[in-house]
Amino acid sequence: MSNEIVFTTISSKGQIVIPNMVRKKLDIKDGNVFAITEKKGLIVLKKINQQLSQDDIRTLKSIHDAWKEIESGNGGKAKTSKFLTEFAKW
């Protein structure tokens, strides 16, 4: 699964099913912890360890900085393929 888009639904309790192929790829198991943020309709969900690693902190800071850049009007436009390539690095 490389830059594939899959669809899921939300339950009446607000639960979202993460498709099996994504769970397997990311080794997501019952009880895993996630960081989540939302801005202007985009939801970012990141699997983290119980303790935030330096990589987790850098990723969350990068997302925060990206939002600030977009809000300041300095964000550029990118083709979908370039966006997905950059997004996959997160």
PDB file of N, CA and C in Angstrom:
ATOM      1  N   MET A   1       0.852  -1.172   0.000  1.00  0.00           N
ATOM      2  CA  MET A   1       0.000   0.000   0.000  1.00  0.00           C
ATOM      3  C   MET A   1       0.894   1.231   0.000  1.00  0.00           C
ATOM      4  N   SER A   2       1.060   1.832  -1.124  1.00  0.00           N
ATOM      5  CA  SER A   2       1.918   2.992  -1.242  1.00  0.00           C
ATOM      6  C   SER A   2       1.098   4.139  -1.799  1.00  0.00           C
ATOM      7  N   ASN A   3       0.831   5.144  -0.965  1.00  0.00           N
ATOM      8  CA  ASN A   3       0.043   6.300  -1.376  1.00  0.00           C
ATOM      9  C   ASN A   3      -1.334   5.915  -1.895  1.00  0.00           C
ATOM     10  N   GLU A   4      -1.845   4.772  -1.447  1.00  0.00           N
ATOM     11  CA  GLU A   4      -3.183   4.354  -1.814  1.00  0.00           C
ATOM     12  C   GLU A   4      -4.191   5.052  -0.930  1.00  0.00           C
ATOM     13  N   ILE A   5      -5.324   5.382  -1.482  1.00  0.00           N
ATOM     14  CA  ILE A   5      -6.388   5.980  -0.692  1.00  0.00           C
ATOM     15  C   ILE A   5      -7.446   4.910  -0.470  1.00  0.00           C
ATOM     16  N   VAL A   6      -7.804   4.695   0.785  1.00  0.00           N
ATOM     17  CA  VAL A   6      -8.859   3.753   1.121  1.00  0.00           C
ATOM     18  C   VAL A   6      -9.937   4.519   1.878  1.00  0.00           C
ATOM     19  N   PHE A   7     -11.135   3.994   1.847  1.00  0.00           N
ATOM     20  CA  PHE A   7     -12.253   4.652   2.499  1.00  0.00           C
ATOM     21  C   PHE A   7     -12.716   3.853   3.694  1.00  0.00           C
ATOM     22  N   THR A   8     -13.227   4.553   4.681  1.00  0.00           N
ATOM     23  CA  THR A   8     -13.746   3.916   5.880  1.00  0.00           C
ATOM     24  C   THR A   8     -14.943   4.741   6.354  1.00  0.00           C
ATOM     25  N   THR A   9     -15.652   4.239   7.333  1.00  0.00           N
ATOM     26  CA  THR A   9     -16.808   4.962   7.865  1.00  0.00           C
ATOM     27  C   THR A   9     -16.620   5.196   9.352  1.00  0.00           C
ATOM     28  N   ILE A  10     -17.424   6.068   9.884  1.00  0.00           N
ATOM     29  CA  ILE A  10     -17.392   6.356  11.313  1.00  0.00           C
ATOM     30  C   ILE A  10     -18.668   5.800  11.941  1.00  0.00           C
ATOM     31  N   SER A  11     -18.521   5.224  13.126  1.00  0.00           N
ATOM     32  CA  SER A  11     -19.677   4.625  13.809  1.00  0.00           C
ATOM     33  C   SER A  11     -20.464   5.702  14.559  1.00  0.00           C
ATOM     34  N   SER A  12     -21.605   5.307  15.093  1.00  0.00           N
ATOM     35  CA  SER A  12     -22.427   6.236  15.873  1.00  0.00           C
ATOM     36  C   SER A  12     -21.710   6.676  17.147  1.00  0.00           C
ATOM     37  N   LYS A  13     -20.690   5.918  17.566  1.00  0.00           N
ATOM     38  CA  LYS A  13     -19.912   6.271  18.756  1.00  0.00           C
ATOM     39  C   LYS A  13     -18.665   7.086  18.406  1.00  0.00           C
ATOM     40  N   GLY A  14     -18.509   7.457  17.133  1.00  0.00           N
ATOM     41  CA  GLY A  14     -17.360   8.247  16.717  1.00  0.00           C
ATOM     42  C   GLY A  14     -16.118   7.421  16.442  1.00  0.00           C
ATOM     43  N   GLN A  15     -16.268   6.125  16.311  1.00  0.00           N
ATOM     44  CA  GLN A  15     -15.125   5.245  16.066  1.00  0.00           C
ATOM     45  C   GLN A  15     -14.889   5.086  14.571  1.00  0.00           C
ATOM     46  N   ILE A  16     -13.622   5.089  14.191  1.00  0.00           N
ATOM     47  CA  ILE A  16     -13.245   4.914  12.791  1.00  0.00           C
ATOM     48  C   ILE A  16     -12.500   3.593  12.660  1.00  0.00           C
ATOM     49  N   VAL A  17     -12.864   2.822  11.651  1.00  0.00           N
ATOM     50  CA  VAL A  17     -12.187   1.563  11.391  1.00  0.00           C
ATOM     51  C   VAL A  17     -10.965   1.845  10.525  1.00  0.00           C
ATOM     52  N   ILE A  18      -9.800   1.413  11.005  1.00  0.00           N
ATOM     53  CA  ILE A  18      -8.589   1.499  10.192  1.00  0.00           C
ATOM     54  C   ILE A  18      -8.509   0.192   9.418  1.00  0.00           C
ATOM     55  N   PRO A  19      -8.510   0.266   8.091  1.00  0.00           N
ATOM     56  CA  PRO A  19      -8.529  -0.967   7.289  1.00  0.00           C
ATOM     57  C   PRO A  19      -7.394  -1.921   7.664  1.00  0.00           C
ATOM     58  N   ASN A  20      -7.685  -3.225   7.536  1.00  0.00           N
ATOM     59  CA  ASN A  20      -6.754  -4.272   7.932  1.00  0.00           C
ATOM     60  C   ASN A  20      -5.386  -4.117   7.270  1.00  0.00           C
ATOM     61  N   MET A  21      -5.360  -3.779   5.971  1.00  0.00           N
ATOM     62  CA  MET A  21      -4.063  -3.681   5.288  1.00  0.00           C
ATOM     63  C   MET A  21      -3.210  -2.558   5.881  1.00  0.00           C
ATOM     64  N   VAL A  22      -3.847  -1.494   6.363  1.00  0.00           N
ATOM     65  CA  VAL A  22      -3.110  -0.398   7.007  1.00  0.00           C
ATOM     66  C   VAL A  22      -2.632  -0.850   8.391  1.00  0.00           C
ATOM     67  N   ARG A  23      -3.513  -1.521   9.143  1.00  0.00           N
ATOM     68  CA  ARG A  23      -3.127  -2.020  10.470  1.00  0.00           C
ATOM     69  C   ARG A  23      -1.939  -2.963  10.382  1.00  0.00           C
ATOM     70  N   LYS A  24      -1.947  -3.840   9.386  1.00  0.00           N
ATOM     71  CA  LYS A  24      -0.831  -4.778   9.222  1.00  0.00           C
ATOM     72  C   LYS A  24       0.452  -4.038   8.864  1.00  0.00           C
ATOM     73  N   LYS A  25       0.360  -3.116   7.923  1.00  0.00           N
ATOM     74  CA  LYS A  25       1.549  -2.381   7.475  1.00  0.00           C
ATOM     75  C   LYS A  25       2.183  -1.608   8.623  1.00  0.00           C
ATOM     76  N   LEU A  26       1.360  -1.003   9.470  1.00  0.00           N
ATOM     77  CA  LEU A  26       1.866  -0.170  10.566  1.00  0.00           C
ATOM     78  C   LEU A  26       1.946  -0.920  11.893  1.00  0.00           C
ATOM     79  N   ASP A  27       1.665  -2.209  11.857  1.00  0.00           N
ATOM     80  CA  ASP A  27       1.686  -3.045  13.061  1.00  0.00           C
ATOM     81  C   ASP A  27       0.833  -2.431  14.177  1.00  0.00           C
ATOM     82  N   ILE A  28      -0.392  -2.050  13.817  1.00  0.00           N
ATOM     83  CA  ILE A  28      -1.319  -1.456  14.778  1.00  0.00           C
ATOM     84  C   ILE A  28      -2.039  -2.574  15.508  1.00  0.00           C
ATOM     85  N   LYS A  29      -1.982  -2.500  16.820  1.00  0.00           N
ATOM     86  CA  LYS A  29      -2.604  -3.521  17.663  1.00  0.00           C
ATOM     87  C   LYS A  29      -3.514  -2.852  18.697  1.00  0.00           C
ATOM     88  N   ASP A  30      -4.372  -3.660  19.293  1.00  0.00           N
ATOM     89  CA  ASP A  30      -5.276  -3.191  20.335  1.00  0.00           C
ATOM     90  C   ASP A  30      -4.476  -2.486  21.433  1.00  0.00           C
ATOM     91  N   GLY A  31      -4.891  -1.302  21.803  1.00  0.00           N
ATOM     92  CA  GLY A  31      -4.234  -0.565  22.873  1.00  0.00           C
ATOM     93  C   GLY A  31      -3.159   0.412  22.414  1.00  0.00           C
ATOM     94  N   ASN A  32      -2.819   0.418  21.108  1.00  0.00           N
ATOM     95  CA  ASN A  32      -1.836   1.387  20.629  1.00  0.00           C
ATOM     96  C   ASN A  32      -2.335   2.802  20.863  1.00  0.00           C
ATOM     97  N   VAL A  33      -1.397   3.720  21.048  1.00  0.00           N
ATOM     98  CA  VAL A  33      -1.714   5.125  21.313  1.00  0.00           C
ATOM     99  C   VAL A  33      -1.472   5.937  20.041  1.00  0.00           C
ATOM    100  N   PHE A  34      -2.352   6.919  19.796  1.00  0.00           N
ATOM    101  CA  PHE A  34      -2.233   7.780  18.626  1.00  0.00           C
ATOM    102  C   PHE A  34      -2.302   9.240  19.030  1.00  0.00           C
ATOM    103  N   ALA A  35      -1.574  10.070  18.307  1.00  0.00           N
ATOM    104  CA  ALA A  35      -1.720  11.526  18.413  1.00  0.00           C
ATOM    105  C   ALA A  35      -2.640  11.917  17.268  1.00  0.00           C
ATOM    106  N   ILE A  36      -3.527  12.876  17.511  1.00  0.00           N
ATOM    107  CA  ILE A  36      -4.456  13.313  16.478  1.00  0.00           C
ATOM    108  C   ILE A  36      -4.553  14.826  16.502  1.00  0.00           C
ATOM    109  N   THR A  37      -4.621  15.405  15.315  1.00  0.00           N
ATOM    110  CA  THR A  37      -4.831  16.841  15.192  1.00  0.00           C
ATOM    111  C   THR A  37      -5.760  17.092  14.018  1.00  0.00           C
ATOM    112  N   GLU A  38      -6.412  18.226  14.036  1.00  0.00           N
ATOM    113  CA  GLU A  38      -7.354  18.586  12.971  1.00  0.00           C
ATOM    114  C   GLU A  38      -7.185  20.056  12.655  1.00  0.00           C
ATOM    115  N   LYS A  39      -7.268  20.375  11.394  1.00  0.00           N
ATOM    116  CA  LYS A  39      -7.238  21.770  10.977  1.00  0.00           C
ATOM    117  C   LYS A  39      -7.945  21.874   9.637  1.00  0.00           C
ATOM    118  N   LYS A  40      -8.948  22.719   9.594  1.00  0.00           N
ATOM    119  CA  LYS A  40      -9.677  22.984   8.355  1.00  0.00           C
ATOM    120  C   LYS A  40     -10.111  21.710   7.631  1.00  0.00           C
ATOM    121  N   GLY A  41     -10.608  20.751   8.386  1.00  0.00           N
ATOM    122  CA  GLY A  41     -11.168  19.543   7.802  1.00  0.00           C
ATOM    123  C   GLY A  41     -10.183  18.415   7.534  1.00  0.00           C
ATOM    124  N   LEU A  42      -8.888  18.651   7.731  1.00  0.00           N
ATOM    125  CA  LEU A  42      -7.894  17.596   7.545  1.00  0.00           C
ATOM    126  C   LEU A  42      -7.555  17.010   8.899  1.00  0.00           C
ATOM    127  N   ILE A  43      -7.688  15.705   9.035  1.00  0.00           N
ATOM    128  CA  ILE A  43      -7.372  15.019  10.283  1.00  0.00           C
ATOM    129  C   ILE A  43      -6.069  14.255  10.077  1.00  0.00           C
ATOM    130  N   VAL A  44      -5.124  14.456  10.983  1.00  0.00           N
ATOM    131  CA  VAL A  44      -3.857  13.724  10.934  1.00  0.00           C
ATOM    132  C   VAL A  44      -3.801  12.832  12.164  1.00  0.00           C
ATOM    133  N   LEU A  45      -3.583  11.565  11.949  1.00  0.00           N
ATOM    134  CA  LEU A  45      -3.530  10.562  13.001  1.00  0.00           C
ATOM    135  C   LEU A  45      -2.162   9.898  12.910  1.00  0.00           C
ATOM    136  N   LYS A  46      -1.402   9.879  14.022  1.00  0.00           N
ATOM    137  CA  LYS A  46      -0.067   9.289  14.022  1.00  0.00           C
ATOM    138  C   LYS A  46       0.076   8.311  15.169  1.00  0.00           C
ATOM    139  N   LYS A  47       0.487   7.087  14.824  1.00  0.00           N
ATOM    140  CA  LYS A  47       0.742   6.074  15.837  1.00  0.00           C
ATOM    141  C   LYS A  47       2.007   6.476  16.593  1.00  0.00           C
ATOM    142  N   ILE A  48       1.926   6.405  17.919  1.00  0.00           N
ATOM    143  CA  ILE A  48       3.095   6.731  18.730  1.00  0.00           C
ATOM    144  C   ILE A  48       3.307   5.645  19.776  1.00  0.00           C
ATOM    145  N   ASN A  49       4.498   5.613  20.323  1.00  0.00           N
ATOM    146  CA  ASN A  49       4.777   4.709  21.433  1.00  0.00           C
ATOM    147  C   ASN A  49       4.202   5.323  22.697  1.00  0.00           C
ATOM    148  N   GLN A  50       4.154   4.566  23.771  1.00  0.00           N
ATOM    149  CA  GLN A  50       3.665   5.117  25.035  1.00  0.00           C
ATOM    150  C   GLN A  50       4.465   6.353  25.402  1.00  0.00           C
ATOM    151  N   GLN A  51       5.748   6.319  25.130  1.00  0.00           N
ATOM    152  CA  GLN A  51       6.606   7.479  25.336  1.00  0.00           C
ATOM    153  C   GLN A  51       6.887   8.071  23.963  1.00  0.00           C
ATOM    154  N   LEU A  52       6.740   9.381  23.820  1.00  0.00           N
ATOM    155  CA  LEU A  52       7.029  10.014  22.544  1.00  0.00           C
ATOM    156  C   LEU A  52       8.526   9.917  22.259  1.00  0.00           C
ATOM    157  N   SER A  53       8.858   9.425  21.064  1.00  0.00           N
ATOM    158  CA  SER A  53      10.258   9.375  20.649  1.00  0.00           C
ATOM    159  C   SER A  53      10.638  10.739  20.073  1.00  0.00           C
ATOM    160  N   GLN A  54      11.917  10.949  19.885  1.00  0.00           N
ATOM    161  CA  GLN A  54      12.370  12.200  19.263  1.00  0.00           C
ATOM    162  C   GLN A  54      11.790  12.326  17.860  1.00  0.00           C
ATOM    163  N   ASP A  55      11.653  11.203  17.147  1.00  0.00           N
ATOM    164  CA  ASP A  55      11.059  11.226  15.809  1.00  0.00           C
ATOM    165  C   ASP A  55       9.591  11.642  15.874  1.00  0.00           C
ATOM    166  N   ASP A  56       8.856  11.120  16.874  1.00  0.00           N
ATOM    167  CA  ASP A  56       7.456  11.521  17.055  1.00  0.00           C
ATOM    168  C   ASP A  56       7.360  13.019  17.301  1.00  0.00           C
ATOM    169  N   ILE A  57       8.224  13.540  18.155  1.00  0.00           N
ATOM    170  CA  ILE A  57       8.205  14.971  18.481  1.00  0.00           C
ATOM    171  C   ILE A  57       8.527  15.803  17.246  1.00  0.00           C
ATOM    172  N   ARG A  58       9.529  15.374  16.457  1.00  0.00           N
ATOM    173  CA  ARG A  58       9.876  16.095  15.226  1.00  0.00           C
ATOM    174  C   ARG A  58       8.705  16.090  14.250  1.00  0.00           C
ATOM    175  N   THR A  59       8.037  14.942  14.120  1.00  0.00           N
ATOM    176  CA  THR A  59       6.897  14.844  13.202  1.00  0.00           C
ATOM    177  C   THR A  59       5.765  15.765  13.638  1.00  0.00           C
ATOM    178  N   LEU A  60       5.422  15.736  14.929  1.00  0.00           N
ATOM    179  CA  LEU A  60       4.349  16.593  15.431  1.00  0.00           C
ATOM    180  C   LEU A  60       4.710  18.065  15.272  1.00  0.00           C
ATOM    181  N   LYS A  61       5.973  18.426  15.495  1.00  0.00           N
ATOM    182  CA  LYS A  61       6.418  19.806  15.307  1.00  0.00           C
ATOM    183  C   LYS A  61       6.331  20.192  13.831  1.00  0.00           C
ATOM    184  N   SER A  62       6.698  19.271  12.951  1.00  0.00           N
ATOM    185  CA  SER A  62       6.627  19.530  11.514  1.00  0.00           C
ATOM    186  C   SER A  62       5.193  19.799  11.076  1.00  0.00           C
ATOM    187  N   ILE A  63       4.249  19.025  11.611  1.00  0.00           N
ATOM    188  CA  ILE A  63       2.833  19.238  11.292  1.00  0.00           C
ATOM    189  C   ILE A  63       2.393  20.602  11.812  1.00  0.00           C
ATOM    190  N   HIS A  64       2.790  20.930  13.041  1.00  0.00           N
ATOM    191  CA  HIS A  64       2.452  22.231  13.629  1.00  0.00           C
ATOM    192  C   HIS A  64       3.021  23.367  12.774  1.00  0.00           C
ATOM    193  N   ASP A  65       4.280  23.245  12.368  1.00  0.00           N
ATOM    194  CA  ASP A  65       4.912  24.277  11.546  1.00  0.00           C
ATOM    195  C   ASP A  65       4.235  24.408  10.182  1.00  0.00           C
ATOM    196  N   ALA A  66       3.810  23.279   9.626  1.00  0.00           N
ATOM    197  CA  ALA A  66       3.122  23.313   8.329  1.00  0.00           C
ATOM    198  C   ALA A  66       1.815  24.086   8.436  1.00  0.00           C
ATOM    199  N   TRP A  67       1.054  23.868   9.536  1.00  0.00           N
ATOM    200  CA  TRP A  67      -0.194  24.603   9.725  1.00  0.00           C
ATOM    201  C   TRP A  67       0.082  26.100   9.820  1.00  0.00           C
ATOM    202  N   LYS A  68       1.131  26.480  10.576  1.00  0.00           N
ATOM    203  CA  LYS A  68       1.476  27.897  10.717  1.00  0.00           C
ATOM    204  C   LYS A  68       1.812  28.509   9.358  1.00  0.00           C
ATOM    205  N   GLU A  69       2.542  27.764   8.530  1.00  0.00           N
ATOM    206  CA  GLU A  69       2.912  28.258   7.201  1.00  0.00           C
ATOM    207  C   GLU A  69       1.672  28.444   6.331  1.00  0.00           C
ATOM    208  N   ILE A  70       0.768  27.495   6.380  1.00  0.00           N
ATOM    209  CA  ILE A  70      -0.467  27.592   5.597  1.00  0.00           C
ATOM    210  C   ILE A  70      -1.292  28.788   6.061  1.00  0.00           C
ATOM    211  N   GLU A  71      -1.450  28.935   7.384  1.00  0.00           N
ATOM    212  CA  GLU A  71      -2.257  30.029   7.920  1.00  0.00           C
ATOM    213  C   GLU A  71      -1.662  31.399   7.621  1.00  0.00           C
ATOM    214  N   SER A  72      -0.341  31.482   7.505  1.00  0.00           N
ATOM    215  CA  SER A  72       0.301  32.774   7.221  1.00  0.00           C
ATOM    216  C   SER A  72       0.233  33.121   5.739  1.00  0.00           C
ATOM    217  N   GLY A  73      -0.268  32.196   4.925  1.00  0.00           N
ATOM    218  CA  GLY A  73      -0.373  32.458   3.499  1.00  0.00           C
ATOM    219  C   GLY A  73       0.899  32.121   2.735  1.00  0.00           C
ATOM    220  N   ASN A  74       1.878  31.561   3.417  1.00  0.00           N
ATOM    221  CA  ASN A  74       3.145  31.227   2.764  1.00  0.00           C
ATOM    222  C   ASN A  74       3.163  29.819   2.191  1.00  0.00           C
ATOM    223  N   GLY A  75       2.112  29.075   2.410  1.00  0.00           N
ATOM    224  CA  GLY A  75       2.066  27.707   1.891  1.00  0.00           C
ATOM    225  C   GLY A  75       1.966  27.729   0.381  1.00  0.00           C
ATOM    226  N   GLY A  76       2.677  26.844  -0.250  1.00  0.00           N
ATOM    227  CA  GLY A  76       2.647  26.772  -1.707  1.00  0.00           C
ATOM    228  C   GLY A  76       1.668  25.725  -2.180  1.00  0.00           C
ATOM    229  N   LYS A  77       1.555  25.639  -3.483  1.00  0.00           N
ATOM    230  CA  LYS A  77       0.712  24.609  -4.079  1.00  0.00           C
ATOM    231  C   LYS A  77       1.612  23.479  -4.560  1.00  0.00           C
ATOM    232  N   ALA A  78       1.086  22.283  -4.526  1.00  0.00           N
ATOM    233  CA  ALA A  78       1.852  21.125  -4.983  1.00  0.00           C
ATOM    234  C   ALA A  78       0.932  20.187  -5.739  1.00  0.00           C
ATOM    235  N   LYS A  79       1.507  19.477  -6.670  1.00  0.00           N
ATOM    236  CA  LYS A  79       0.747  18.451  -7.372  1.00  0.00           C
ATOM    237  C   LYS A  79       0.427  17.344  -6.376  1.00  0.00           C
ATOM    238  N   THR A  80      -0.648  16.631  -6.637  1.00  0.00           N
ATOM    239  CA  THR A  80      -1.094  15.575  -5.734  1.00  0.00           C
ATOM    240  C   THR A  80       0.016  14.574  -5.477  1.00  0.00           C
ATOM    241  N   SER A  81       0.734  14.169  -6.516  1.00  0.00           N
ATOM    242  CA  SER A  81       1.795  13.165  -6.331  1.00  0.00           C
ATOM    243  C   SER A  81       2.890  13.683  -5.408  1.00  0.00           C
ATOM    244  N   LYS A  82       3.259  14.954  -5.539  1.00  0.00           N
ATOM    245  CA  LYS A  82       4.291  15.519  -4.666  1.00  0.00           C
ATOM    246  C   LYS A  82       3.768  15.608  -3.228  1.00  0.00           C
ATOM    247  N   PHE A  83       2.507  16.041  -3.076  1.00  0.00           N
ATOM    248  CA  PHE A  83       1.911  16.121  -1.735  1.00  0.00           C
ATOM    249  C   PHE A  83       1.914  14.757  -1.071  1.00  0.00           C
ATOM    250  N   LEU A  84       1.472  13.717  -1.791  1.00  0.00           N
ATOM    251  CA  LEU A  84       1.402  12.376  -1.208  1.00  0.00           C
ATOM    252  C   LEU A  84       2.788  11.846  -0.864  1.00  0.00           C
ATOM    253  N   THR A  85       3.778  12.177  -1.678  1.00  0.00           N
ATOM    254  CA  THR A  85       5.151  11.761  -1.374  1.00  0.00           C
ATOM    255  C   THR A  85       5.632  12.417  -0.074  1.00  0.00           C
ATOM    256  N   GLU A  86       5.399  13.714   0.069  1.00  0.00           N
ATOM    257  CA  GLU A  86       5.787  14.417   1.291  1.00  0.00           C
ATOM    258  C   GLU A  86       4.988  13.904   2.480  1.00  0.00           C
ATOM    259  N   PHE A  87       3.687  13.700   2.280  1.00  0.00           N
ATOM    260  CA  PHE A  87       2.821  13.241   3.361  1.00  0.00           C
ATOM    261  C   PHE A  87       3.250  11.851   3.849  1.00  0.00           C
ATOM    262  N   ALA A  88       3.704  11.002   2.929  1.00  0.00           N
ATOM    263  CA  ALA A  88       4.143   9.649   3.307  1.00  0.00           C
ATOM    264  C   ALA A  88       5.340   9.695   4.235  1.00  0.00           C
ATOM    265  N   LYS A  89       6.152  10.745   4.175  1.00  0.00           N
ATOM    266  CA  LYS A  89       7.310  10.888   5.056  1.00  0.00           C
ATOM    267  C   LYS A  89       6.881  11.115   6.499  1.00  0.00           C
ATOM    268  N   TRP A  90       5.694  11.688   6.717  1.00  0.00           N
ATOM    269  CA  TRP A  90       5.207  11.953   8.062  1.00  0.00           C
ATOM    270  C   TRP A  90       4.961  10.651   8.756  1.00  0.00           C
TER     271      TRP A  90
END
